[in-house]
Structures are given as structure tokens and as C-alpha cells.
Amino acid sequence: MTDDAANEPHVPSDAERAARSRVREQATGLTHHQTEEAIEAAEAAAVEAAGDLESADAATRAAVAEWRRITELLFDHGGPYSPDTDAFVQGQLTARDPHAYPNQGLGEP
């Protein structure tokens, strides 16, 4: 699988969602430098298990991608990571909340 194919937009599987959630829990309270170390560890584990990141399963690739996203977020942040202040996470929660868009079903028979 090429990097391009692995990074194409798609509906994440339950395993990918769970992997991202686990990373967010593990990252809570960590600083930029600590998340950099976590990326290195996650990538090394993927290489050890699958030979390279591209050959790893979707959940592993999702976890590494989430570590990268959080590390980039913290680059200019200076403080520890918190999902409560992560705009990406908060946007996802809002989009998945059925009460966020109460009129969504209007107009349907």
C-alpha cells in the first residue's frame, strides 16, 4: 500500500477510531517532546510487527497518524495535551452528537 492510498480520506473503522482514542488518552498531559518520543516508539513497534509502517494494519497506521497530529498541535502550544482543548477532537464530538443538529431530520417523510 502506498502512502497516498493509506492517507486517502475514508470512513474510519471501529479499530481506527479506538486506536485514535487510545492515543488521545495516552497523550493527555504529555508535552511536545514526550509525544515525539511516543511517535518514535509507535513507529518502531509498527516496523517490528509488520516490517514497515505502510504494511501495518489500519489501526496501527491510525495510531501513528494521531501521534503525529497531536505532536504537530503541541509544537507551538507549549503546554501539555488535552482533548478538551483540541479543536479537532471537539469538532468530531460535535459532529457525532445527535443533539448538535436537532433539525437535521426535518423535511424527511
C-alpha atoms as a PDB file:
ATOM      1  CA  MET A   1       0.000   0.000   0.000  1.00  0.00           C
ATOM      2  CA  THR A   2       1.389   3.417  -0.883  1.00  0.00           C
ATOM      3  CA  ASP A   3       1.392   6.385   1.454  1.00  0.00           C
ATOM      4  CA  ASP A   4      -1.127   8.067  -0.841  1.00  0.00           C
ATOM      5  CA  ALA A   5      -3.578   5.178  -0.621  1.00  0.00           C
ATOM      6  CA  ALA A   6      -3.207   4.886   3.148  1.00  0.00           C
ATOM      7  CA  ASN A   7      -3.850   8.603   3.578  1.00  0.00           C
ATOM      8  CA  GLU A   8      -6.851   8.868   1.289  1.00  0.00           C
ATOM      9  CA  PRO A   9      -9.977  10.150   3.027  1.00  0.00           C
ATOM     10  CA  HIS A  10     -12.161   7.287   4.187  1.00  0.00           C
ATOM     11  CA  VAL A  11     -14.657   6.417   6.864  1.00  0.00           C
ATOM     12  CA  PRO A  12     -12.530   5.143   9.745  1.00  0.00           C
ATOM     13  CA  SER A  13     -13.187   1.648  11.022  1.00  0.00           C
ATOM     14  CA  ASP A  14     -14.078   0.966  14.634  1.00  0.00           C
ATOM     15  CA  ALA A  15     -10.499  -0.256  15.158  1.00  0.00           C
ATOM     16  CA  GLU A  16      -9.090   3.007  13.772  1.00  0.00           C
ATOM     17  CA  ARG A  17     -11.397   5.084  15.985  1.00  0.00           C
ATOM     18  CA  ALA A  18     -10.415   3.020  19.018  1.00  0.00           C
ATOM     19  CA  ALA A  19      -6.706   3.401  18.215  1.00  0.00           C
ATOM     20  CA  ARG A  20      -7.030   7.185  17.942  1.00  0.00           C
ATOM     21  CA  SER A  21      -8.982   7.289  21.191  1.00  0.00           C
ATOM     22  CA  ARG A  22      -6.298   5.265  22.987  1.00  0.00           C
ATOM     23  CA  VAL A  23      -3.609   7.632  21.698  1.00  0.00           C
ATOM     24  CA  ARG A  24      -5.563  10.646  22.957  1.00  0.00           C
ATOM     25  CA  GLU A  25      -5.887   9.052  26.392  1.00  0.00           C
ATOM     26  CA  GLN A  26      -2.164   8.222  26.453  1.00  0.00           C
ATOM     27  CA  ALA A  27      -1.224  11.700  25.216  1.00  0.00           C
ATOM     28  CA  THR A  28      -3.249  13.569  27.811  1.00  0.00           C
ATOM     29  CA  GLY A  29      -0.838  15.578  29.935  1.00  0.00           C
ATOM     30  CA  LEU A  30       2.176  14.969  27.689  1.00  0.00           C
ATOM     31  CA  THR A  31       4.345  17.733  26.250  1.00  0.00           C
ATOM     32  CA  HIS A  32       5.600  18.091  22.687  1.00  0.00           C
ATOM     33  CA  HIS A  33       8.894  16.335  23.449  1.00  0.00           C
ATOM     34  CA  GLN A  34       7.115  13.442  25.121  1.00  0.00           C
ATOM     35  CA  THR A  35       4.778  12.969  22.157  1.00  0.00           C
ATOM     36  CA  GLU A  36       7.791  12.973  19.815  1.00  0.00           C
ATOM     37  CA  GLU A  37       9.155  10.041  21.814  1.00  0.00           C
ATOM     38  CA  ALA A  38       5.768   8.326  21.578  1.00  0.00           C
ATOM     39  CA  ILE A  39       5.772   8.673  17.767  1.00  0.00           C
ATOM     40  CA  GLU A  40       9.199   7.059  17.602  1.00  0.00           C
ATOM     41  CA  ALA A  41       8.029   4.193  19.818  1.00  0.00           C
ATOM     42  CA  ALA A  42       4.822   3.681  17.807  1.00  0.00           C
ATOM     43  CA  GLU A  43       6.706   3.692  14.504  1.00  0.00           C
ATOM     44  CA  ALA A  44       9.313   1.266  15.857  1.00  0.00           C
ATOM     45  CA  ALA A  45       6.581  -1.082  17.077  1.00  0.00           C
ATOM     46  CA  ALA A  46       4.902  -0.962  13.657  1.00  0.00           C
ATOM     47  CA  VAL A  47       8.162  -1.756  11.886  1.00  0.00           C
ATOM     48  CA  GLU A  48       8.882  -4.602  14.279  1.00  0.00           C
ATOM     49  CA  ALA A  49       5.414  -6.089  13.815  1.00  0.00           C
ATOM     50  CA  ALA A  50       4.873  -5.541  10.094  1.00  0.00           C
ATOM     51  CA  GLY A  51       8.235  -4.740   8.550  1.00  0.00           C
ATOM     52  CA  ASP A  52       7.291  -1.131   7.795  1.00  0.00           C
ATOM     53  CA  LEU A  53       4.549   1.348   8.604  1.00  0.00           C
ATOM     54  CA  GLU A  54       2.855   1.002   5.225  1.00  0.00           C
ATOM     55  CA  SER A  55       2.408  -2.741   5.799  1.00  0.00           C
ATOM     56  CA  ALA A  56       0.962  -2.291   9.280  1.00  0.00           C
ATOM     57  CA  ASP A  57      -2.744  -2.705   9.900  1.00  0.00           C
ATOM     58  CA  ALA A  58      -5.097   0.255   9.646  1.00  0.00           C
ATOM     59  CA  ALA A  59      -5.385   0.693  13.415  1.00  0.00           C
ATOM     60  CA  THR A  60      -1.610   0.912  13.802  1.00  0.00           C
ATOM     61  CA  ARG A  61      -1.361   3.463  10.983  1.00  0.00           C
ATOM     62  CA  ALA A  62      -4.203   5.451  12.590  1.00  0.00           C
ATOM     63  CA  ALA A  63      -2.406   5.448  15.948  1.00  0.00           C
ATOM     64  CA  VAL A  64       0.834   6.709  14.404  1.00  0.00           C
ATOM     65  CA  ALA A  65      -1.082   9.358  12.455  1.00  0.00           C
ATOM     66  CA  GLU A  66      -2.793  10.525  15.648  1.00  0.00           C
ATOM     67  CA  TRP A  67       0.534  10.749  17.495  1.00  0.00           C
ATOM     68  CA  ARG A  68       1.850  12.860  14.601  1.00  0.00           C
ATOM     69  CA  ARG A  69      -1.221  15.128  14.601  1.00  0.00           C
ATOM     70  CA  ILE A  70      -1.020  15.688  18.364  1.00  0.00           C
ATOM     71  CA  THR A  71       2.719  16.337  18.206  1.00  0.00           C
ATOM     72  CA  GLU A  72       2.200  18.932  15.467  1.00  0.00           C
ATOM     73  CA  LEU A  73      -0.566  20.518  17.537  1.00  0.00           C
ATOM     74  CA  LEU A  74       1.758  20.817  20.526  1.00  0.00           C
ATOM     75  CA  PHE A  75       4.666  22.238  18.508  1.00  0.00           C
ATOM     76  CA  ASP A  76       3.592  25.842  19.128  1.00  0.00           C
ATOM     77  CA  HIS A  77       1.385  25.121  22.117  1.00  0.00           C
ATOM     78  CA  GLY A  78       4.000  24.876  24.836  1.00  0.00           C
ATOM     79  CA  GLY A  79       1.761  23.116  27.324  1.00  0.00           C
ATOM     80  CA  PRO A  80       0.519  19.596  27.835  1.00  0.00           C
ATOM     81  CA  TYR A  81      -2.015  17.931  25.548  1.00  0.00           C
ATOM     82  CA  SER A  82      -5.679  17.849  26.492  1.00  0.00           C
ATOM     83  CA  PRO A  83      -8.501  16.514  24.303  1.00  0.00           C
ATOM     84  CA  ASP A  84     -10.717  19.169  25.911  1.00  0.00           C
ATOM     85  CA  THR A  85      -8.730  21.923  24.174  1.00  0.00           C
ATOM     86  CA  ASP A  86      -8.073  20.020  20.920  1.00  0.00           C
ATOM     87  CA  ALA A  87     -10.235  21.715  18.277  1.00  0.00           C
ATOM     88  CA  PHE A  88     -10.099  18.639  16.009  1.00  0.00           C
ATOM     89  CA  VAL A  89     -11.401  16.337  18.745  1.00  0.00           C
ATOM     90  CA  GLN A  90     -14.061  18.813  19.827  1.00  0.00           C
ATOM     91  CA  GLY A  91     -15.211  19.184  16.215  1.00  0.00           C
ATOM     92  CA  GLN A  92     -15.543  15.411  15.900  1.00  0.00           C
ATOM     93  CA  LEU A  93     -17.540  15.192  19.105  1.00  0.00           C
ATOM     94  CA  THR A  94     -19.866  17.947  17.946  1.00  0.00           C
ATOM     95  CA  ALA A  95     -20.367  16.313  14.552  1.00  0.00           C
ATOM     96  CA  ARG A  96     -21.200  12.955  16.153  1.00  0.00           C
ATOM     97  CA  ASP A  97     -23.567  14.406  18.752  1.00  0.00           C
ATOM     98  CA  PRO A  98     -27.138  13.890  17.502  1.00  0.00           C
ATOM     99  CA  HIS A  99     -28.276  16.801  19.696  1.00  0.00           C
ATOM    100  CA  ALA A 100     -25.844  19.191  17.999  1.00  0.00           C
ATOM    101  CA  TYR A 101     -28.083  19.387  14.921  1.00  0.00           C
ATOM    102  CA  PRO A 102     -31.650  18.951  16.223  1.00  0.00           C
ATOM    103  CA  ASN A 103     -33.290  19.914  12.895  1.00  0.00           C
ATOM    104  CA  GLN A 104     -31.231  17.541  10.777  1.00  0.00           C
ATOM    105  CA  GLY A 105     -34.190  15.209  10.084  1.00  0.00           C
ATOM    106  CA  LEU A 106     -36.670  17.940   9.132  1.00  0.00           C
ATOM    107  CA  GLY A 107     -38.138  17.727   5.680  1.00  0.00           C
ATOM    108  CA  GLU A 108     -37.960  13.958   5.521  1.00  0.00           C
ATOM    109  CA  PRO A 109     -41.211  11.983   5.298  1.00  0.00           C
END
